[in-house]
Amino acid sequence: MKQLKTIIKSTLIIDYEEIGNTNLINIFSENGLLLDIVASDHDYLNRINQKKYDCVMINSDLADNLAVKIIDTVKGYYPWIIVVILLQNPDYEKIFNFVRNGADDFIMKPFSWTDMEKVLKFYYY
């Protein structure tokens, strides 16, 4: 697998799905990238305040429009953090809502390393 040379120092994933988390861990570790995962939406702000993240990836299917609230909080405190939404299906209304609220990009699940590499290259090269 081709190595991506990136300036990402750390990425935080907010995603309660174990299968998606396993896939993400494998993709990131195989390519030498640092990754932290929060399976609960309650811990993300503590993590962001404790450690510098360059990218936050958020599951779009968190309950009660929570993804939008997380985007707003992250961008409010740390506007330089790249926010990528992890989408289950191509719901264009949701995509537009996330972008209007500050998301920088999105990626469709399930995804391959090639899909992730395209997103990362856009922001880090």
PDB file of N, CA and C in Angstrom:
ATOM      1  N   MET A   1       0.838  -1.172   0.000  1.00  0.00           N
ATOM      2  CA  MET A   1       0.000   0.000   0.000  1.00  0.00           C
ATOM      3  C   MET A   1       0.891   1.247   0.000  1.00  0.00           C
ATOM      4  N   LYS A   2       0.539   2.196  -0.805  1.00  0.00           N
ATOM      5  CA  LYS A   2       1.289   3.440  -0.924  1.00  0.00           C
ATOM      6  C   LYS A   2       1.179   4.266   0.363  1.00  0.00           C
ATOM      7  N   GLN A   3       2.302   4.777   0.833  1.00  0.00           N
ATOM      8  CA  GLN A   3       2.318   5.629   2.026  1.00  0.00           C
ATOM      9  C   GLN A   3       1.958   7.061   1.652  1.00  0.00           C
ATOM     10  N   LEU A   4       1.085   7.663   2.427  1.00  0.00           N
ATOM     11  CA  LEU A   4       0.725   9.066   2.249  1.00  0.00           C
ATOM     12  C   LEU A   4       1.584   9.881   3.191  1.00  0.00           C
ATOM     13  N   LYS A   5       2.361  10.798   2.650  1.00  0.00           N
ATOM     14  CA  LYS A   5       3.170  11.677   3.493  1.00  0.00           C
ATOM     15  C   LYS A   5       2.362  12.931   3.732  1.00  0.00           C
ATOM     16  N   THR A   6       1.949  13.121   4.937  1.00  0.00           N
ATOM     17  CA  THR A   6       1.032  14.196   5.271  1.00  0.00           C
ATOM     18  C   THR A   6       1.514  14.953   6.494  1.00  0.00           C
ATOM     19  N   ILE A   7       1.012  16.160   6.667  1.00  0.00           N
ATOM     20  CA  ILE A   7       1.372  16.919   7.860  1.00  0.00           C
ATOM     21  C   ILE A   7       0.347  16.731   8.968  1.00  0.00           C
ATOM     22  N   ILE A   8      -0.598  15.823   8.781  1.00  0.00           N
ATOM     23  CA  ILE A   8      -1.554  15.556   9.852  1.00  0.00           C
ATOM     24  C   ILE A   8      -0.782  15.052  11.049  1.00  0.00           C
ATOM     25  N   LYS A   9      -0.955  15.699  12.162  1.00  0.00           N
ATOM     26  CA  LYS A   9      -0.321  15.240  13.386  1.00  0.00           C
ATOM     27  C   LYS A   9      -1.259  14.323  14.150  1.00  0.00           C
ATOM     28  N   SER A  10      -2.530  14.621  14.122  1.00  0.00           N
ATOM     29  CA  SER A  10      -3.473  13.810  14.871  1.00  0.00           C
ATOM     30  C   SER A  10      -4.888  14.013  14.344  1.00  0.00           C
ATOM     31  N   THR A  11      -5.635  12.920  14.332  1.00  0.00           N
ATOM     32  CA  THR A  11      -7.023  12.948  13.890  1.00  0.00           C
ATOM     33  C   THR A  11      -7.900  12.364  14.984  1.00  0.00           C
ATOM     34  N   LEU A  12      -9.038  12.986  15.212  1.00  0.00           N
ATOM     35  CA  LEU A  12     -10.021  12.481  16.166  1.00  0.00           C
ATOM     36  C   LEU A  12     -11.250  12.049  15.387  1.00  0.00           C
ATOM     37  N   ILE A  13     -11.718  10.843  15.670  1.00  0.00           N
ATOM     38  CA  ILE A  13     -12.920  10.316  15.050  1.00  0.00           C
ATOM     39  C   ILE A  13     -14.006  10.238  16.116  1.00  0.00           C
ATOM     40  N   ILE A  14     -15.183  10.763  15.806  1.00  0.00           N
ATOM     41  CA  ILE A  14     -16.342  10.643  16.688  1.00  0.00           C
ATOM     42  C   ILE A  14     -17.330   9.740  15.960  1.00  0.00           C
ATOM     43  N   ASP A  15     -17.327   8.466  16.349  1.00  0.00           N
ATOM     44  CA  ASP A  15     -18.105   7.462  15.618  1.00  0.00           C
ATOM     45  C   ASP A  15     -18.405   6.296  16.535  1.00  0.00           C
ATOM     46  N   TYR A  16     -19.665   6.015  16.762  1.00  0.00           N
ATOM     47  CA  TYR A  16     -20.073   4.947  17.674  1.00  0.00           C
ATOM     48  C   TYR A  16     -20.104   3.570  17.027  1.00  0.00           C
ATOM     49  N   GLU A  17     -19.893   3.465  15.735  1.00  0.00           N
ATOM     50  CA  GLU A  17     -19.992   2.186  15.037  1.00  0.00           C
ATOM     51  C   GLU A  17     -18.684   1.422  15.089  1.00  0.00           C
ATOM     52  N   GLU A  18     -18.700   0.262  15.690  1.00  0.00           N
ATOM     53  CA  GLU A  18     -17.486  -0.541  15.852  1.00  0.00           C
ATOM     54  C   GLU A  18     -16.877  -0.963  14.519  1.00  0.00           C
ATOM     55  N   ILE A  19     -17.709  -1.350  13.547  1.00  0.00           N
ATOM     56  CA  ILE A  19     -17.174  -1.791  12.258  1.00  0.00           C
ATOM     57  C   ILE A  19     -16.452  -0.642  11.585  1.00  0.00           C
ATOM     58  N   GLY A  20     -17.065   0.523  11.576  1.00  0.00           N
ATOM     59  CA  GLY A  20     -16.412   1.693  10.992  1.00  0.00           C
ATOM     60  C   GLY A  20     -15.136   2.044  11.717  1.00  0.00           C
ATOM     61  N   ASN A  21     -15.140   1.934  13.040  1.00  0.00           N
ATOM     62  CA  ASN A  21     -13.948   2.243  13.818  1.00  0.00           C
ATOM     63  C   ASN A  21     -12.807   1.298  13.480  1.00  0.00           C
ATOM     64  N   THR A  22     -13.101   0.008  13.354  1.00  0.00           N
ATOM     65  CA  THR A  22     -12.076  -0.964  13.016  1.00  0.00           C
ATOM     66  C   THR A  22     -11.481  -0.650  11.649  1.00  0.00           C
ATOM     67  N   ASN A  23     -12.327  -0.338  10.698  1.00  0.00           N
ATOM     68  CA  ASN A  23     -11.864   0.027   9.366  1.00  0.00           C
ATOM     69  C   ASN A  23     -10.958   1.266   9.431  1.00  0.00           C
ATOM     70  N   LEU A  24     -11.365   2.268  10.171  1.00  0.00           N
ATOM     71  CA  LEU A  24     -10.569   3.485  10.299  1.00  0.00           C
ATOM     72  C   LEU A  24      -9.219   3.208  10.964  1.00  0.00           C
ATOM     73  N   ILE A  25      -9.230   2.444  12.036  1.00  0.00           N
ATOM     74  CA  ILE A  25      -7.977   2.117  12.726  1.00  0.00           C
ATOM     75  C   ILE A  25      -7.018   1.439  11.768  1.00  0.00           C
ATOM     76  N   ASN A  26      -7.518   0.478  11.003  1.00  0.00           N
ATOM     77  CA  ASN A  26      -6.663  -0.231  10.047  1.00  0.00           C
ATOM     78  C   ASN A  26      -6.112   0.704   8.978  1.00  0.00           C
ATOM     79  N   ILE A  27      -6.962   1.530   8.407  1.00  0.00           N
ATOM     80  CA  ILE A  27      -6.524   2.448   7.356  1.00  0.00           C
ATOM     81  C   ILE A  27      -5.456   3.409   7.871  1.00  0.00           C
ATOM     82  N   PHE A  28      -5.693   4.000   9.013  1.00  0.00           N
ATOM     83  CA  PHE A  28      -4.744   4.977   9.541  1.00  0.00           C
ATOM     84  C   PHE A  28      -3.436   4.331   9.969  1.00  0.00           C
ATOM     85  N   SER A  29      -3.503   3.221  10.698  1.00  0.00           N
ATOM     86  CA  SER A  29      -2.271   2.601  11.197  1.00  0.00           C
ATOM     87  C   SER A  29      -1.426   2.048  10.059  1.00  0.00           C
ATOM     88  N   GLU A  30      -2.053   1.500   9.032  1.00  0.00           N
ATOM     89  CA  GLU A  30      -1.312   0.982   7.885  1.00  0.00           C
ATOM     90  C   GLU A  30      -0.571   2.084   7.142  1.00  0.00           C
ATOM     91  N   ASN A  31      -1.009   3.306   7.303  1.00  0.00           N
ATOM     92  CA  ASN A  31      -0.394   4.423   6.588  1.00  0.00           C
ATOM     93  C   ASN A  31       0.350   5.378   7.508  1.00  0.00           C
ATOM     94  N   GLY A  32       0.627   4.931   8.724  1.00  0.00           N
ATOM     95  CA  GLY A  32       1.470   5.690   9.633  1.00  0.00           C
ATOM     96  C   GLY A  32       0.863   6.972  10.174  1.00  0.00           C
ATOM     97  N   LEU A  33      -0.470   7.046  10.236  1.00  0.00           N
ATOM     98  CA  LEU A  33      -1.132   8.248  10.739  1.00  0.00           C
ATOM     99  C   LEU A  33      -1.612   8.036  12.172  1.00  0.00           C
ATOM    100  N   LEU A  34      -1.614   9.101  12.949  1.00  0.00           N
ATOM    101  CA  LEU A  34      -2.084   9.046  14.331  1.00  0.00           C
ATOM    102  C   LEU A  34      -3.597   9.184  14.363  1.00  0.00           C
ATOM    103  N   LEU A  35      -4.234   8.396  15.225  1.00  0.00           N
ATOM    104  CA  LEU A  35      -5.689   8.383  15.269  1.00  0.00           C
ATOM    105  C   LEU A  35      -6.177   8.131  16.685  1.00  0.00           C
ATOM    106  N   ASP A  36      -7.141   8.932  17.133  1.00  0.00           N
ATOM    107  CA  ASP A  36      -7.869   8.700  18.376  1.00  0.00           C
ATOM    108  C   ASP A  36      -9.334   8.570  18.000  1.00  0.00           C
ATOM    109  N   ILE A  37     -10.039   7.699  18.711  1.00  0.00           N
ATOM    110  CA  ILE A  37     -11.462   7.503  18.441  1.00  0.00           C
ATOM    111  C   ILE A  37     -12.240   7.691  19.727  1.00  0.00           C
ATOM    112  N   VAL A  38     -13.309   8.460  19.629  1.00  0.00           N
ATOM    113  CA  VAL A  38     -14.241   8.630  20.736  1.00  0.00           C
ATOM    114  C   VAL A  38     -15.541   7.971  20.290  1.00  0.00           C
ATOM    115  N   ALA A  39     -15.959   6.944  21.019  1.00  0.00           N
ATOM    116  CA  ALA A  39     -17.183   6.231  20.658  1.00  0.00           C
ATOM    117  C   ALA A  39     -18.417   6.907  21.253  1.00  0.00           C
ATOM    118  N   SER A  40     -18.199   7.866  22.134  1.00  0.00           N
ATOM    119  CA  SER A  40     -19.304   8.589  22.761  1.00  0.00           C
ATOM    120  C   SER A  40     -19.159  10.073  22.443  1.00  0.00           C
ATOM    121  N   ASP A  41     -20.278  10.701  22.146  1.00  0.00           N
ATOM    122  CA  ASP A  41     -20.241  12.130  21.831  1.00  0.00           C
ATOM    123  C   ASP A  41     -19.952  12.977  23.063  1.00  0.00           C
ATOM    124  N   HIS A  42     -19.979  12.395  24.248  1.00  0.00           N
ATOM    125  CA  HIS A  42     -19.766  13.163  25.475  1.00  0.00           C
ATOM    126  C   HIS A  42     -18.301  13.520  25.709  1.00  0.00           C
ATOM    127  N   ASP A  43     -17.384  12.770  25.129  1.00  0.00           N
ATOM    128  CA  ASP A  43     -15.960  12.932  25.425  1.00  0.00           C
ATOM    129  C   ASP A  43     -15.172  13.759  24.409  1.00  0.00           C
ATOM    130  N   TYR A  44     -15.793  14.115  23.305  1.00  0.00           N
ATOM    131  CA  TYR A  44     -15.016  14.740  22.241  1.00  0.00           C
ATOM    132  C   TYR A  44     -14.415  16.088  22.638  1.00  0.00           C
ATOM    133  N   LEU A  45     -15.150  16.907  23.352  1.00  0.00           N
ATOM    134  CA  LEU A  45     -14.640  18.228  23.697  1.00  0.00           C
ATOM    135  C   LEU A  45     -13.483  18.132  24.688  1.00  0.00           C
ATOM    136  N   ASN A  46     -13.576  17.202  25.640  1.00  0.00           N
ATOM    137  CA  ASN A  46     -12.446  16.988  26.560  1.00  0.00           C
ATOM    138  C   ASN A  46     -11.202  16.579  25.791  1.00  0.00           C
ATOM    139  N   ARG A  47     -11.363  15.689  24.822  1.00  0.00           N
ATOM    140  CA  ARG A  47     -10.212  15.247  24.022  1.00  0.00           C
ATOM    141  C   ARG A  47      -9.608  16.399  23.236  1.00  0.00           C
ATOM    142  N   ILE A  48     -10.460  17.196  22.611  1.00  0.00           N
ATOM    143  CA  ILE A  48      -9.970  18.308  21.797  1.00  0.00           C
ATOM    144  C   ILE A  48      -9.248  19.341  22.665  1.00  0.00           C
ATOM    145  N   ASN A  49      -9.734  19.551  23.865  1.00  0.00           N
ATOM    146  CA  ASN A  49      -9.091  20.504  24.766  1.00  0.00           C
ATOM    147  C   ASN A  49      -7.771  19.980  25.325  1.00  0.00           C
ATOM    148  N   GLN A  50      -7.609  18.658  25.392  1.00  0.00           N
ATOM    149  CA  GLN A  50      -6.397  18.063  25.947  1.00  0.00           C
ATOM    150  C   GLN A  50      -5.296  17.875  24.913  1.00  0.00           C
ATOM    151  N   LYS A  51      -5.658  17.711  23.652  1.00  0.00           N
ATOM    152  CA  LYS A  51      -4.686  17.382  22.616  1.00  0.00           C
ATOM    153  C   LYS A  51      -4.991  18.173  21.356  1.00  0.00           C
ATOM    154  N   LYS A  52      -3.954  18.582  20.652  1.00  0.00           N
ATOM    155  CA  LYS A  52      -4.143  19.324  19.413  1.00  0.00           C
ATOM    156  C   LYS A  52      -4.494  18.345  18.283  1.00  0.00           C
ATOM    157  N   TYR A  53      -5.616  18.586  17.646  1.00  0.00           N
ATOM    158  CA  TYR A  53      -6.030  17.783  16.500  1.00  0.00           C
ATOM    159  C   TYR A  53      -6.027  18.656  15.258  1.00  0.00           C
ATOM    160  N   ASP A  54      -5.639  18.057  14.159  1.00  0.00           N
ATOM    161  CA  ASP A  54      -5.653  18.749  12.876  1.00  0.00           C
ATOM    162  C   ASP A  54      -6.925  18.437  12.094  1.00  0.00           C
ATOM    163  N   CYS A  55      -7.545  17.320  12.439  1.00  0.00           N
ATOM    164  CA  CYS A  55      -8.724  16.874  11.715  1.00  0.00           C
ATOM    165  C   CYS A  55      -9.667  16.163  12.686  1.00  0.00           C
ATOM    166  N   VAL A  56     -10.966  16.439  12.542  1.00  0.00           N
ATOM    167  CA  VAL A  56     -11.993  15.736  13.292  1.00  0.00           C
ATOM    168  C   VAL A  56     -12.951  15.145  12.269  1.00  0.00           C
ATOM    169  N   MET A  57     -13.193  13.846  12.392  1.00  0.00           N
ATOM    170  CA  MET A  57     -14.147  13.157  11.518  1.00  0.00           C
ATOM    171  C   MET A  57     -15.341  12.745  12.361  1.00  0.00           C
ATOM    172  N   ILE A  58     -16.540  13.039  11.853  1.00  0.00           N
ATOM    173  CA  ILE A  58     -17.768  12.848  12.625  1.00  0.00           C
ATOM    174  C   ILE A  58     -18.750  11.968  11.859  1.00  0.00           C
ATOM    175  N   ASN A  59     -19.289  10.963  12.539  1.00  0.00           N
ATOM    176  CA  ASN A  59     -20.338  10.131  11.959  1.00  0.00           C
ATOM    177  C   ASN A  59     -21.575  11.001  11.762  1.00  0.00           C
ATOM    178  N   SER A  60     -22.133  10.969  10.577  1.00  0.00           N
ATOM    179  CA  SER A  60     -23.290  11.817  10.254  1.00  0.00           C
ATOM    180  C   SER A  60     -24.570  11.335  10.922  1.00  0.00           C
ATOM    181  N   ASP A  61     -24.588  10.107  11.403  1.00  0.00           N
ATOM    182  CA  ASP A  61     -25.814   9.530  11.936  1.00  0.00           C
ATOM    183  C   ASP A  61     -25.916   9.601  13.450  1.00  0.00           C
ATOM    184  N   LEU A  62     -25.184  10.481  14.081  1.00  0.00           N
ATOM    185  CA  LEU A  62     -25.337  10.670  15.517  1.00  0.00           C
ATOM    186  C   LEU A  62     -26.740  11.213  15.785  1.00  0.00           C
ATOM    187  N   ALA A  63     -27.301  10.853  16.908  1.00  0.00           N
ATOM    188  CA  ALA A  63     -28.692  11.199  17.232  1.00  0.00           C
ATOM    189  C   ALA A  63     -28.915  12.710  17.372  1.00  0.00           C
ATOM    190  N   ASP A  64     -30.159  13.113  17.132  1.00  0.00           N
ATOM    191  CA  ASP A  64     -30.648  14.471  17.406  1.00  0.00           C
ATOM    192  C   ASP A  64     -29.807  15.582  16.784  1.00  0.00           C
ATOM    193  N   ASN A  65     -29.416  15.395  15.532  1.00  0.00           N
ATOM    194  CA  ASN A  65     -28.640  16.421  14.827  1.00  0.00           C
ATOM    195  C   ASN A  65     -27.357  16.781  15.573  1.00  0.00           C
ATOM    196  N   LEU A  66     -26.824  15.819  16.307  1.00  0.00           N
ATOM    197  CA  LEU A  66     -25.638  16.045  17.119  1.00  0.00           C
ATOM    198  C   LEU A  66     -24.408  16.377  16.282  1.00  0.00           C
ATOM    199  N   ALA A  67     -24.313  15.824  15.082  1.00  0.00           N
ATOM    200  CA  ALA A  67     -23.157  16.110  14.223  1.00  0.00           C
ATOM    201  C   ALA A  67     -23.042  17.613  13.955  1.00  0.00           C
ATOM    202  N   VAL A  68     -24.163  18.273  13.705  1.00  0.00           N
ATOM    203  CA  VAL A  68     -24.151  19.724  13.454  1.00  0.00           C
ATOM    204  C   VAL A  68     -23.704  20.471  14.708  1.00  0.00           C
ATOM    205  N   LYS A  69     -24.170  20.044  15.862  1.00  0.00           N
ATOM    206  CA  LYS A  69     -23.758  20.690  17.116  1.00  0.00           C
ATOM    207  C   LYS A  69     -22.267  20.521  17.352  1.00  0.00           C
ATOM    208  N   ILE A  70     -21.738  19.344  17.030  1.00  0.00           N
ATOM    209  CA  ILE A  70     -20.297  19.099  17.193  1.00  0.00           C
ATOM    210  C   ILE A  70     -19.501  19.971  16.227  1.00  0.00           C
ATOM    211  N   ILE A  71     -19.947  20.060  14.986  1.00  0.00           N
ATOM    212  CA  ILE A  71     -19.269  20.929  14.009  1.00  0.00           C
ATOM    213  C   ILE A  71     -19.215  22.352  14.543  1.00  0.00           C
ATOM    214  N   ASP A  72     -20.349  22.847  15.006  1.00  0.00           N
ATOM    215  CA  ASP A  72     -20.434  24.212  15.522  1.00  0.00           C
ATOM    216  C   ASP A  72     -19.481  24.421  16.694  1.00  0.00           C
ATOM    217  N   THR A  73     -19.432  23.474  17.612  1.00  0.00           N
ATOM    218  CA  THR A  73     -18.552  23.592  18.778  1.00  0.00           C
ATOM    219  C   THR A  73     -17.085  23.560  18.368  1.00  0.00           C
ATOM    220  N   VAL A  74     -16.718  22.582  17.542  1.00  0.00           N
ATOM    221  CA  VAL A  74     -15.319  22.440  17.113  1.00  0.00           C
ATOM    222  C   VAL A  74     -14.878  23.693  16.361  1.00  0.00           C
ATOM    223  N   LYS A  75     -15.652  24.124  15.390  1.00  0.00           N
ATOM    224  CA  LYS A  75     -15.273  25.304  14.595  1.00  0.00           C
ATOM    225  C   LYS A  75     -15.317  26.581  15.434  1.00  0.00           C
ATOM    226  N   GLY A  76     -16.187  26.621  16.435  1.00  0.00           N
ATOM    227  CA  GLY A  76     -16.259  27.786  17.312  1.00  0.00           C
ATOM    228  C   GLY A  76     -15.001  27.957  18.155  1.00  0.00           C
ATOM    229  N   TYR A  77     -14.497  26.855  18.697  1.00  0.00           N
ATOM    230  CA  TYR A  77     -13.291  26.905  19.525  1.00  0.00           C
ATOM    231  C   TYR A  77     -12.004  26.847  18.708  1.00  0.00           C
ATOM    232  N   TYR A  78     -12.008  26.027  17.657  1.00  0.00           N
ATOM    233  CA  TYR A  78     -10.790  25.771  16.883  1.00  0.00           C
ATOM    234  C   TYR A  78     -11.108  25.836  15.387  1.00  0.00           C
ATOM    235  N   PRO A  79     -11.250  27.029  14.823  1.00  0.00           N
ATOM    236  CA  PRO A  79     -11.675  27.155  13.429  1.00  0.00           C
ATOM    237  C   PRO A  79     -10.705  26.555  12.408  1.00  0.00           C
ATOM    238  N   TRP A  80      -9.465  26.308  12.784  1.00  0.00           N
ATOM    239  CA  TRP A  80      -8.481  25.757  11.860  1.00  0.00           C
ATOM    240  C   TRP A  80      -8.589  24.235  11.727  1.00  0.00           C
ATOM    241  N   ILE A  81      -9.322  23.569  12.609  1.00  0.00           N
ATOM    242  CA  ILE A  81      -9.452  22.110  12.527  1.00  0.00           C
ATOM    243  C   ILE A  81     -10.316  21.752  11.321  1.00  0.00           C
ATOM    244  N   ILE A  82      -9.821  20.819  10.511  1.00  0.00           N
ATOM    245  CA  ILE A  82     -10.582  20.319   9.367  1.00  0.00           C
ATOM    246  C   ILE A  82     -11.648  19.369   9.895  1.00  0.00           C
ATOM    247  N   VAL A  83     -12.897  19.572   9.478  1.00  0.00           N
ATOM    248  CA  VAL A  83     -13.996  18.702   9.888  1.00  0.00           C
ATOM    249  C   VAL A  83     -14.483  17.932   8.665  1.00  0.00           C
ATOM    250  N   VAL A  84     -14.433  16.600   8.766  1.00  0.00           N
ATOM    251  CA  VAL A  84     -14.881  15.716   7.698  1.00  0.00           C
ATOM    252  C   VAL A  84     -16.049  14.887   8.234  1.00  0.00           C
ATOM    253  N   ILE A  85     -17.124  14.837   7.486  1.00  0.00           N
ATOM    254  CA  ILE A  85     -18.304  14.074   7.879  1.00  0.00           C
ATOM    255  C   ILE A  85     -18.239  12.693   7.229  1.00  0.00           C
ATOM    256  N   LEU A  86     -18.513  11.660   8.018  1.00  0.00           N
ATOM    257  CA  LEU A  86     -18.560  10.282   7.544  1.00  0.00           C
ATOM    258  C   LEU A  86     -20.024   9.936   7.280  1.00  0.00           C
ATOM    259  N   LEU A  87     -20.395   9.814   6.013  1.00  0.00           N
ATOM    260  CA  LEU A  87     -21.790   9.636   5.615  1.00  0.00           C
ATOM    261  C   LEU A  87     -22.133   8.181   5.327  1.00  0.00           C
ATOM    262  N   GLN A  88     -23.318   7.762   5.743  1.00  0.00           N
ATOM    263  CA  GLN A  88     -23.815   6.418   5.452  1.00  0.00           C
ATOM    264  C   GLN A  88     -24.469   6.338   4.073  1.00  0.00           C
ATOM    265  N   ASN A  89     -25.118   7.424   3.649  1.00  0.00           N
ATOM    266  CA  ASN A  89     -25.789   7.435   2.356  1.00  0.00           C
ATOM    267  C   ASN A  89     -25.732   8.846   1.784  1.00  0.00           C
ATOM    268  N   PRO A  90     -25.902   8.968   0.475  1.00  0.00           N
ATOM    269  CA  PRO A  90     -25.784  10.284  -0.169  1.00  0.00           C
ATOM    270  C   PRO A  90     -27.034  11.138  -0.003  1.00  0.00           C
ATOM    271  N   ASP A  91     -27.302  11.573   1.196  1.00  0.00           N
ATOM    272  CA  ASP A  91     -28.447  12.434   1.493  1.00  0.00           C
ATOM    273  C   ASP A  91     -27.988  13.884   1.280  1.00  0.00           C
ATOM    274  N   TYR A  92     -28.334  14.446   0.124  1.00  0.00           N
ATOM    275  CA  TYR A  92     -27.816  15.758  -0.242  1.00  0.00           C
ATOM    276  C   TYR A  92     -28.306  16.867   0.678  1.00  0.00           C
ATOM    277  N   GLU A  93     -29.486  16.729   1.211  1.00  0.00           N
ATOM    278  CA  GLU A  93     -29.969  17.731   2.164  1.00  0.00           C
ATOM    279  C   GLU A  93     -29.077  17.753   3.413  1.00  0.00           C
ATOM    280  N   LYS A  94     -28.707  16.565   3.892  1.00  0.00           N
ATOM    281  CA  LYS A  94     -27.799  16.472   5.035  1.00  0.00           C
ATOM    282  C   LYS A  94     -26.430  17.063   4.700  1.00  0.00           C
ATOM    283  N   ILE A  95     -25.922  16.713   3.527  1.00  0.00           N
ATOM    284  CA  ILE A  95     -24.603  17.217   3.109  1.00  0.00           C
ATOM    285  C   ILE A  95     -24.608  18.741   3.089  1.00  0.00           C
ATOM    286  N   PHE A  96     -25.614  19.344   2.463  1.00  0.00           N
ATOM    287  CA  PHE A  96     -25.693  20.806   2.408  1.00  0.00           C
ATOM    288  C   PHE A  96     -25.798  21.405   3.805  1.00  0.00           C
ATOM    289  N   ASN A  97     -26.554  20.761   4.687  1.00  0.00           N
ATOM    290  CA  ASN A  97     -26.694  21.231   6.056  1.00  0.00           C
ATOM    291  C   ASN A  97     -25.347  21.209   6.780  1.00  0.00           C
ATOM    292  N   PHE A  98     -24.585  20.126   6.623  1.00  0.00           N
ATOM    293  CA  PHE A  98     -23.267  20.033   7.264  1.00  0.00           C
ATOM    294  C   PHE A  98     -22.313  21.105   6.731  1.00  0.00           C
ATOM    295  N   VAL A  99     -22.318  21.305   5.420  1.00  0.00           N
ATOM    296  CA  VAL A  99     -21.436  22.308   4.815  1.00  0.00           C
ATOM    297  C   VAL A  99     -21.832  23.709   5.265  1.00  0.00           C
ATOM    298  N   ARG A 100     -23.123  24.005   5.278  1.00  0.00           N
ATOM    299  CA  ARG A 100     -23.594  25.318   5.747  1.00  0.00           C
ATOM    300  C   ARG A 100     -23.181  25.577   7.192  1.00  0.00           C
ATOM    301  N   ASN A 101     -23.052  24.516   7.977  1.00  0.00           N
ATOM    302  CA  ASN A 101     -22.707  24.658   9.381  1.00  0.00           C
ATOM    303  C   ASN A 101     -21.211  24.529   9.651  1.00  0.00           C
ATOM    304  N   GLY A 102     -20.387  24.461   8.604  1.00  0.00           N
ATOM    305  CA  GLY A 102     -18.947  24.527   8.792  1.00  0.00           C
ATOM    306  C   GLY A 102     -18.135  23.298   8.463  1.00  0.00           C
ATOM    307  N   ALA A 103     -18.763  22.196   8.052  1.00  0.00           N
ATOM    308  CA  ALA A 103     -17.985  21.013   7.663  1.00  0.00           C
ATOM    309  C   ALA A 103     -17.157  21.346   6.433  1.00  0.00           C
ATOM    310  N   ASP A 104     -15.942  20.831   6.408  1.00  0.00           N
ATOM    311  CA  ASP A 104     -15.045  21.098   5.285  1.00  0.00           C
ATOM    312  C   ASP A 104     -15.199  20.091   4.157  1.00  0.00           C
ATOM    313  N   ASP A 105     -15.570  18.855   4.503  1.00  0.00           N
ATOM    314  CA  ASP A 105     -15.654  17.818   3.484  1.00  0.00           C
ATOM    315  C   ASP A 105     -16.461  16.651   4.019  1.00  0.00           C
ATOM    316  N   PHE A 106     -16.690  15.655   3.166  1.00  0.00           N
ATOM    317  CA  PHE A 106     -17.374  14.448   3.585  1.00  0.00           C
ATOM    318  C   PHE A 106     -16.796  13.271   2.821  1.00  0.00           C
ATOM    319  N   ILE A 107     -17.036  12.088   3.359  1.00  0.00           N
ATOM    320  CA  ILE A 107     -16.614  10.858   2.700  1.00  0.00           C
ATOM    321  C   ILE A 107     -17.708   9.822   2.946  1.00  0.00           C
ATOM    322  N   MET A 108     -18.002   9.028   1.929  1.00  0.00           N
ATOM    323  CA  MET A 108     -19.061   8.027   2.021  1.00  0.00           C
ATOM    324  C   MET A 108     -18.525   6.739   2.636  1.00  0.00           C
ATOM    325  N   LYS A 109     -19.306   6.145   3.541  1.00  0.00           N
ATOM    326  CA  LYS A 109     -18.988   4.837   4.117  1.00  0.00           C
ATOM    327  C   LYS A 109     -19.660   3.757   3.272  1.00  0.00           C
ATOM    328  N   PRO A 110     -19.107   2.592   3.158  1.00  0.00           N
ATOM    329  CA  PRO A 110     -17.753   2.225   3.575  1.00  0.00           C
ATOM    330  C   PRO A 110     -16.750   2.826   2.596  1.00  0.00           C
ATOM    331  N   PHE A 111     -15.581   3.113   3.065  1.00  0.00           N
ATOM    332  CA  PHE A 111     -14.579   3.729   2.207  1.00  0.00           C
ATOM    333  C   PHE A 111     -13.280   2.941   2.264  1.00  0.00           C
ATOM    334  N   SER A 112     -12.480   3.153   1.233  1.00  0.00           N
ATOM    335  CA  SER A 112     -11.176   2.497   1.140  1.00  0.00           C
ATOM    336  C   SER A 112     -10.105   3.520   1.496  1.00  0.00           C
ATOM    337  N   TRP A 113      -8.873   3.054   1.594  1.00  0.00           N
ATOM    338  CA  TRP A 113      -7.774   3.983   1.838  1.00  0.00           C
ATOM    339  C   TRP A 113      -7.670   4.983   0.692  1.00  0.00           C
ATOM    340  N   THR A 114      -7.938   4.568  -0.529  1.00  0.00           N
ATOM    341  CA  THR A 114      -7.881   5.471  -1.679  1.00  0.00           C
ATOM    342  C   THR A 114      -8.860   6.621  -1.508  1.00  0.00           C
ATOM    343  N   ASP A 115     -10.069   6.314  -1.032  1.00  0.00           N
ATOM    344  CA  ASP A 115     -11.065   7.365  -0.778  1.00  0.00           C
ATOM    345  C   ASP A 115     -10.554   8.341   0.279  1.00  0.00           C
ATOM    346  N   MET A 116     -10.024   7.801   1.384  1.00  0.00           N
ATOM    347  CA  MET A 116      -9.519   8.648   2.466  1.00  0.00           C
ATOM    348  C   MET A 116      -8.321   9.465   1.994  1.00  0.00           C
ATOM    349  N   GLU A 117      -7.450   8.843   1.213  1.00  0.00           N
ATOM    350  CA  GLU A 117      -6.261   9.526   0.716  1.00  0.00           C
ATOM    351  C   GLU A 117      -6.633  10.750  -0.131  1.00  0.00           C
ATOM    352  N   LYS A 118      -7.678  10.627  -0.936  1.00  0.00           N
ATOM    353  CA  LYS A 118      -8.121  11.762  -1.759  1.00  0.00           C
ATOM    354  C   LYS A 118      -8.516  12.942  -0.881  1.00  0.00           C
ATOM    355  N   VAL A 119      -9.256  12.671   0.180  1.00  0.00           N
ATOM    356  CA  VAL A 119      -9.681  13.741   1.090  1.00  0.00           C
ATOM    357  C   VAL A 119      -8.473  14.349   1.772  1.00  0.00           C
ATOM    358  N   LEU A 120      -7.582  13.524   2.303  1.00  0.00           N
ATOM    359  CA  LEU A 120      -6.416  14.021   3.018  1.00  0.00           C
ATOM    360  C   LEU A 120      -5.466  14.811   2.123  1.00  0.00           C
ATOM    361  N   LYS A 121      -5.254  14.324   0.907  1.00  0.00           N
ATOM    362  CA  LYS A 121      -4.362  15.023  -0.030  1.00  0.00           C
ATOM    363  C   LYS A 121      -4.874  16.433  -0.325  1.00  0.00           C
ATOM    364  N   PHE A 122      -6.180  16.570  -0.430  1.00  0.00           N
ATOM    365  CA  PHE A 122      -6.763  17.876  -0.736  1.00  0.00           C
ATOM    366  C   PHE A 122      -6.391  18.913   0.328  1.00  0.00           C
ATOM    367  N   TYR A 123      -6.367  18.502   1.582  1.00  0.00           N
ATOM    368  CA  TYR A 123      -6.121  19.452   2.661  1.00  0.00           C
ATOM    369  C   TYR A 123      -4.672  19.550   3.091  1.00  0.00           C
ATOM    370  N   TYR A 124      -3.874  18.573   2.764  1.00  0.00           N
ATOM    371  CA  TYR A 124      -2.526  18.540   3.323  1.00  0.00           C
ATOM    372  C   TYR A 124      -1.417  18.548   2.299  1.00  0.00           C
ATOM    373  N   TYR A 125      -1.730  18.802   1.030  1.00  0.00           N
ATOM    374  CA  TYR A 125      -0.671  18.946   0.024  1.00  0.00           C
ATOM    375  C   TYR A 125      -0.866  20.220  -0.750  1.00  0.00           C
TER     376      TYR A 125
END
